[in-house]
Amino acid sequence: MTVHPYFQKLPRYLKAASNRLRKRRLVRSIVSRRTVAGYILASNKYGAFCIPAVAAHRVAAQFVLAGDVWEADTVEFMVTHAKSGDVITAGTFFGDFLPALSAATAPHGTVWAFEPNPESYRCAAITVLLNDLRNVKLTNAALGEKSDTRSLVVRDLTGQALGGGSRISDTTDLEGHTDAVPVNVVAIDDVVPGTAAVSVLQLDVEGFEEFALTGAVKTIERSRPLLILETVPRPESTAARFLDSMRYRITRRLSENVVLECE
């Protein structure tokens, strides 16, 4: 990843701050609402963020640009229940959840973050840099049942960037699809080690949740984490049958998400 020279200076400032509060204040002071090389920099109470300018119209981006927190109740719920375990979050977009989750899982937990959209991934990586999030493992991939290569639709029919709304296409053939890019697909069980104790698994993957869950069977069986899903698997799906066998039940709703807990 090529990082604009402006960002290359940031680690020196971050390392000079002796605690998280001072880091947050210092980052805000040097990156507050500036645009660099197609990126927009903004901040809220959790940290600083790099937003892709082409996706600044998306609702999540608009919230952060206004200094607010998108899906604040979801973030707070995840922070409260992360405890000392690891957190898995997918559909990371520009990383608006990452500073809060990183702080909640520190010093021993890891945040496993996944984002397939190349532009969003670059911004999420810069967000990690801006906040010095050393316990975040960010992967440029979509989640699925197994390793694969698929097409990711990154623009709508009008040519507008989908940002966090980018979705896996039904076809792997890119011919004639100028709004799609090839992306890697990985299974959670192949990335998150078998020694990890996962407290929360959150998926916002535009309808691909059931496939991501199928690729996380070992992780779920081992840790029985809280599940936070934007889309609940279809009743007839392999993922739904598996969750039922594990006695997962819907217990509440948060913003656009549903929480499932193991009885």
Protein backbone atom coordinates (compact mmCIF):
# COMPACT_ATOMS: atom_id res chain seq x y z
CA MET A 1 0.00 0.00 0.00
CA THR A 2 1.34 3.43 -0.95
CA VAL A 3 0.83 5.96 1.83
CA HIS A 4 0.71 9.67 1.08
CA PRO A 5 3.77 11.51 2.57
CA TYR A 6 1.44 13.41 4.91
CA PHE A 7 0.55 10.18 6.68
CA GLN A 8 4.15 8.96 6.88
CA LYS A 9 4.86 11.68 9.44
CA LEU A 10 2.10 10.60 11.79
CA PRO A 11 3.77 7.73 13.70
CA ARG A 12 6.35 10.13 15.18
CA TYR A 13 3.59 12.26 16.65
CA LEU A 14 1.66 9.25 17.86
CA LYS A 15 4.66 7.69 19.59
CA ALA A 16 5.43 11.00 21.30
CA ALA A 17 2.10 10.81 23.16
CA SER A 18 2.38 8.87 26.42
CA ASN A 19 -1.21 7.67 26.72
CA ARG A 20 -4.32 7.01 24.65
CA LEU A 21 -6.10 10.24 25.64
CA ARG A 22 -3.17 12.40 24.61
CA LYS A 23 -2.84 10.41 21.36
CA ARG A 24 -6.49 11.04 20.57
CA ARG A 25 -6.24 14.77 21.21
CA LEU A 26 -3.03 15.07 19.25
CA VAL A 27 -4.36 13.14 16.26
CA ARG A 28 -7.47 15.30 16.21
CA SER A 29 -5.39 18.44 16.22
CA ILE A 30 -3.30 17.45 13.21
CA VAL A 31 -5.87 15.67 11.01
CA SER A 32 -9.13 17.45 11.77
CA ARG A 33 -11.21 17.62 8.57
CA ARG A 34 -8.54 17.74 5.87
CA THR A 35 -8.57 16.19 2.40
CA VAL A 36 -5.40 14.53 1.09
CA ALA A 37 -5.05 12.57 -2.15
CA GLY A 38 -8.74 11.70 -2.33
CA TYR A 39 -9.08 10.92 1.36
CA ILE A 40 -11.06 12.94 3.91
CA LEU A 41 -9.81 12.96 7.49
CA ALA A 42 -12.24 13.30 10.38
CA SER A 43 -12.62 12.30 14.02
CA ASN A 44 -15.13 11.48 16.75
CA LYS A 45 -14.84 10.53 20.41
CA TYR A 46 -13.18 7.22 19.58
CA GLY A 47 -10.39 8.42 17.30
CA ALA A 48 -9.35 9.67 13.87
CA PHE A 49 -10.50 8.25 10.54
CA CYS A 50 -9.54 8.25 6.89
CA ILE A 51 -12.64 8.27 4.66
CA PRO A 52 -12.55 7.65 0.89
CA ALA A 53 -13.70 10.89 -0.73
CA VAL A 54 -15.67 8.95 -3.37
CA ALA A 55 -17.74 7.33 -0.61
CA ALA A 56 -18.21 10.40 1.59
CA HIS A 57 -21.92 10.41 0.69
CA ARG A 58 -22.50 7.11 2.51
CA VAL A 59 -24.43 7.40 5.78
CA ALA A 60 -21.65 5.97 7.96
CA ALA A 61 -19.20 8.46 6.48
CA GLN A 62 -21.61 11.34 6.98
CA PHE A 63 -21.99 10.51 10.67
CA VAL A 64 -18.23 10.49 11.25
CA LEU A 65 -17.69 13.63 9.17
CA ALA A 66 -20.15 15.33 11.53
CA GLY A 67 -18.11 14.11 14.52
CA ASP A 68 -20.70 11.49 15.48
CA VAL A 69 -20.61 7.70 15.80
CA TRP A 70 -22.38 5.51 13.25
CA GLU A 71 -24.42 2.71 14.84
CA ALA A 72 -23.39 3.95 18.28
CA ASP A 73 -25.49 1.37 20.12
CA THR A 74 -23.80 -1.46 18.20
CA VAL A 75 -20.34 -0.08 18.95
CA GLU A 76 -21.14 0.34 22.66
CA PHE A 77 -22.61 -3.17 22.86
CA MET A 78 -19.52 -4.67 21.24
CA VAL A 79 -17.21 -2.71 23.51
CA THR A 80 -19.13 -3.85 26.60
CA HIS A 81 -19.10 -7.52 25.59
CA ALA A 82 -15.60 -7.74 24.11
CA LYS A 83 -14.16 -8.32 27.61
CA SER A 84 -10.70 -9.85 27.30
CA GLY A 85 -11.46 -11.92 24.21
CA ASP A 86 -10.88 -11.35 20.52
CA VAL A 87 -13.37 -9.59 18.26
CA ILE A 88 -14.08 -10.40 14.61
CA THR A 89 -15.59 -7.61 12.52
CA ALA A 90 -16.29 -7.75 8.79
CA GLY A 91 -17.53 -5.08 6.44
CA THR A 92 -15.00 -2.77 8.04
CA PHE A 93 -15.42 0.04 5.47
CA PHE A 94 -12.96 2.80 6.50
CA GLY A 95 -12.52 1.37 10.00
CA ASP A 96 -15.04 3.44 11.98
CA PHE A 97 -15.46 0.63 14.58
CA LEU A 98 -11.76 -0.15 14.92
CA PRO A 99 -10.45 2.39 17.48
CA ALA A 100 -13.24 1.57 19.95
CA LEU A 101 -12.84 -2.20 19.51
CA SER A 102 -9.07 -2.00 19.75
CA ALA A 103 -9.29 -0.19 23.10
CA ALA A 104 -11.92 -2.64 24.39
CA THR A 105 -9.83 -5.74 23.62
CA ALA A 106 -6.46 -4.34 24.73
CA PRO A 107 -4.02 -5.34 26.09
CA HIS A 108 -4.37 -9.05 25.33
CA GLY A 109 -7.15 -9.36 22.75
CA THR A 110 -6.99 -9.04 18.97
CA VAL A 111 -9.42 -7.40 16.56
CA TRP A 112 -9.70 -9.42 13.34
CA ALA A 113 -11.05 -7.04 10.68
CA PHE A 114 -11.99 -7.83 7.07
CA GLU A 115 -12.69 -5.43 4.20
CA PRO A 116 -12.78 -6.53 0.53
CA ASN A 117 -13.20 -3.15 -1.21
CA PRO A 118 -9.64 -2.03 -2.13
CA GLU A 119 -10.30 1.69 -1.60
CA SER A 120 -12.08 1.12 1.71
CA TYR A 121 -9.30 -1.22 2.82
CA ARG A 122 -6.66 1.43 2.11
CA CYS A 123 -8.59 3.92 4.21
CA ALA A 124 -9.09 1.40 7.03
CA ALA A 125 -5.35 0.72 6.99
CA ILE A 126 -4.67 4.45 7.35
CA THR A 127 -7.23 4.62 10.18
CA VAL A 128 -5.24 1.88 11.92
CA LEU A 129 -2.08 3.94 11.41
CA LEU A 130 -3.65 7.18 12.59
CA ASN A 131 -4.72 5.61 15.88
CA ASP A 132 -1.69 3.36 16.36
CA LEU A 133 -3.93 0.28 16.69
CA ARG A 134 -1.35 -2.41 17.28
CA ASN A 135 -3.80 -5.19 18.13
CA VAL A 136 -5.82 -4.90 14.89
CA LYS A 137 -5.24 -7.53 12.19
CA LEU A 138 -6.75 -6.07 9.01
CA THR A 139 -7.26 -8.32 5.98
CA ASN A 140 -8.14 -7.19 2.45
CA ALA A 141 -10.66 -9.95 1.72
CA ALA A 142 -14.32 -10.89 1.77
CA LEU A 143 -15.56 -13.70 4.02
CA GLY A 144 -17.03 -16.94 2.73
CA GLU A 145 -17.18 -20.70 3.18
CA LYS A 146 -13.68 -21.28 1.80
CA SER A 147 -10.82 -19.60 -0.02
CA ASP A 148 -11.98 -18.30 -3.39
CA THR A 149 -11.87 -15.36 -5.80
CA ARG A 150 -15.08 -13.49 -6.51
CA SER A 151 -16.29 -10.24 -8.05
CA LEU A 152 -17.11 -7.31 -5.79
CA VAL A 153 -19.54 -4.68 -7.10
CA VAL A 154 -18.11 -1.33 -5.96
CA ARG A 155 -20.33 1.14 -7.84
CA ASP A 156 -24.07 1.40 -8.47
CA LEU A 157 -25.69 1.76 -11.89
CA THR A 158 -25.13 5.53 -11.85
CA GLY A 159 -21.40 5.09 -11.25
CA GLN A 160 -21.56 6.23 -7.63
CA ALA A 161 -19.20 4.44 -5.23
CA LEU A 162 -20.94 1.97 -2.91
CA GLY A 163 -18.26 2.16 -0.21
CA GLY A 164 -19.49 0.09 2.74
CA GLY A 165 -22.37 -1.12 0.57
CA SER A 166 -20.08 -2.97 -1.86
CA ARG A 167 -21.33 -6.50 -2.39
CA ILE A 168 -20.20 -9.83 -3.79
CA SER A 169 -21.55 -10.47 -7.27
CA ASP A 170 -23.27 -13.70 -8.32
CA THR A 171 -20.66 -14.14 -11.03
CA THR A 172 -16.87 -14.38 -11.05
CA ASP A 173 -16.78 -13.21 -14.67
CA LEU A 174 -15.74 -9.55 -14.82
CA GLU A 175 -16.20 -9.17 -18.58
CA GLY A 176 -18.54 -6.25 -19.17
CA HIS A 177 -18.80 -5.48 -15.46
CA THR A 178 -16.95 -2.16 -15.16
CA ASP A 179 -18.45 -1.65 -11.70
CA ALA A 180 -16.81 -4.75 -10.22
CA VAL A 181 -13.31 -5.74 -9.10
CA PRO A 182 -11.82 -9.16 -8.30
CA VAL A 183 -11.40 -9.85 -4.58
CA ASN A 184 -10.09 -12.67 -2.45
CA VAL A 185 -12.51 -14.60 -0.27
CA VAL A 186 -11.31 -16.31 2.91
CA ALA A 187 -12.91 -18.39 5.65
CA ILE A 188 -12.72 -17.12 9.22
CA ASP A 189 -11.58 -20.57 10.37
CA ASP A 190 -8.58 -20.30 8.02
CA VAL A 191 -7.49 -16.87 9.31
CA VAL A 192 -8.35 -16.74 13.01
CA PRO A 193 -6.14 -19.24 14.87
CA GLY A 194 -7.63 -22.14 16.78
CA THR A 195 -6.18 -20.76 20.01
CA ALA A 196 -8.21 -17.53 19.78
CA ALA A 197 -11.03 -17.02 22.29
CA VAL A 198 -13.56 -14.91 20.37
CA SER A 199 -16.05 -12.88 22.39
CA VAL A 200 -17.92 -11.12 19.57
CA LEU A 201 -18.37 -11.87 15.87
CA GLN A 202 -19.95 -8.99 13.92
CA LEU A 203 -20.85 -9.28 10.23
CA ASP A 204 -22.06 -6.49 7.96
CA VAL A 205 -21.32 -8.13 4.63
CA GLU A 206 -24.30 -7.18 2.48
CA GLY A 207 -26.23 -10.45 2.50
CA PHE A 208 -23.18 -12.73 2.52
CA GLU A 209 -23.52 -13.43 6.25
CA GLU A 210 -24.68 -17.02 5.91
CA PHE A 211 -21.61 -17.94 3.86
CA ALA A 212 -19.26 -16.14 6.26
CA LEU A 213 -20.84 -18.05 9.17
CA THR A 214 -20.41 -21.37 7.37
CA GLY A 215 -16.72 -20.57 7.13
CA ALA A 216 -16.58 -19.88 10.87
CA VAL A 217 -18.07 -23.13 12.21
CA LYS A 218 -14.93 -24.16 14.13
CA THR A 219 -14.51 -20.69 15.63
CA ILE A 220 -18.15 -20.56 16.75
CA GLU A 221 -18.11 -24.11 18.15
CA ARG A 222 -14.97 -23.32 20.14
CA SER A 223 -15.82 -19.87 21.50
CA ARG A 224 -19.61 -19.52 21.18
CA PRO A 225 -19.29 -15.76 20.70
CA LEU A 226 -22.07 -13.20 20.58
CA LEU A 227 -23.15 -12.83 16.97
CA ILE A 228 -24.12 -9.44 15.57
CA LEU A 229 -25.52 -9.76 12.06
CA GLU A 230 -26.96 -7.27 9.62
CA THR A 231 -28.66 -10.12 7.73
CA VAL A 232 -29.87 -13.29 9.46
CA PRO A 233 -29.27 -16.49 7.43
CA ARG A 234 -32.21 -17.98 5.57
CA PRO A 235 -33.96 -20.69 7.64
CA GLU A 236 -33.14 -23.38 5.07
CA SER A 237 -29.45 -22.46 4.85
CA THR A 238 -26.58 -24.53 6.24
CA ALA A 239 -25.61 -21.62 8.51
CA ALA A 240 -29.11 -21.32 10.00
CA ARG A 241 -29.28 -25.05 10.73
CA PHE A 242 -25.86 -24.92 12.36
CA LEU A 243 -26.79 -21.96 14.58
CA ASP A 244 -29.99 -23.72 15.59
CA SER A 245 -28.03 -26.84 16.54
CA MET A 246 -25.78 -24.63 18.69
CA ARG A 247 -28.90 -23.16 20.35
CA TYR A 248 -28.33 -19.62 19.15
CA ARG A 249 -31.35 -17.36 19.60
CA ILE A 250 -32.12 -13.75 18.67
CA THR A 251 -32.05 -11.68 21.87
CA ARG A 252 -32.14 -8.04 20.72
CA ARG A 253 -31.79 -5.57 17.88
CA LEU A 254 -29.18 -2.84 17.58
CA SER A 255 -29.50 -0.20 14.86
CA GLU A 256 -29.70 -2.26 11.65
CA ASN A 257 -28.34 -5.38 13.34
CA VAL A 258 -29.63 -8.47 15.12
CA VAL A 259 -27.88 -10.01 18.15
CA LEU A 260 -27.85 -13.79 18.60
CA GLU A 261 -26.67 -15.43 21.82
CA CYS A 262 -25.96 -19.05 22.61
CA GLU A 263 -28.33 -20.39 25.28
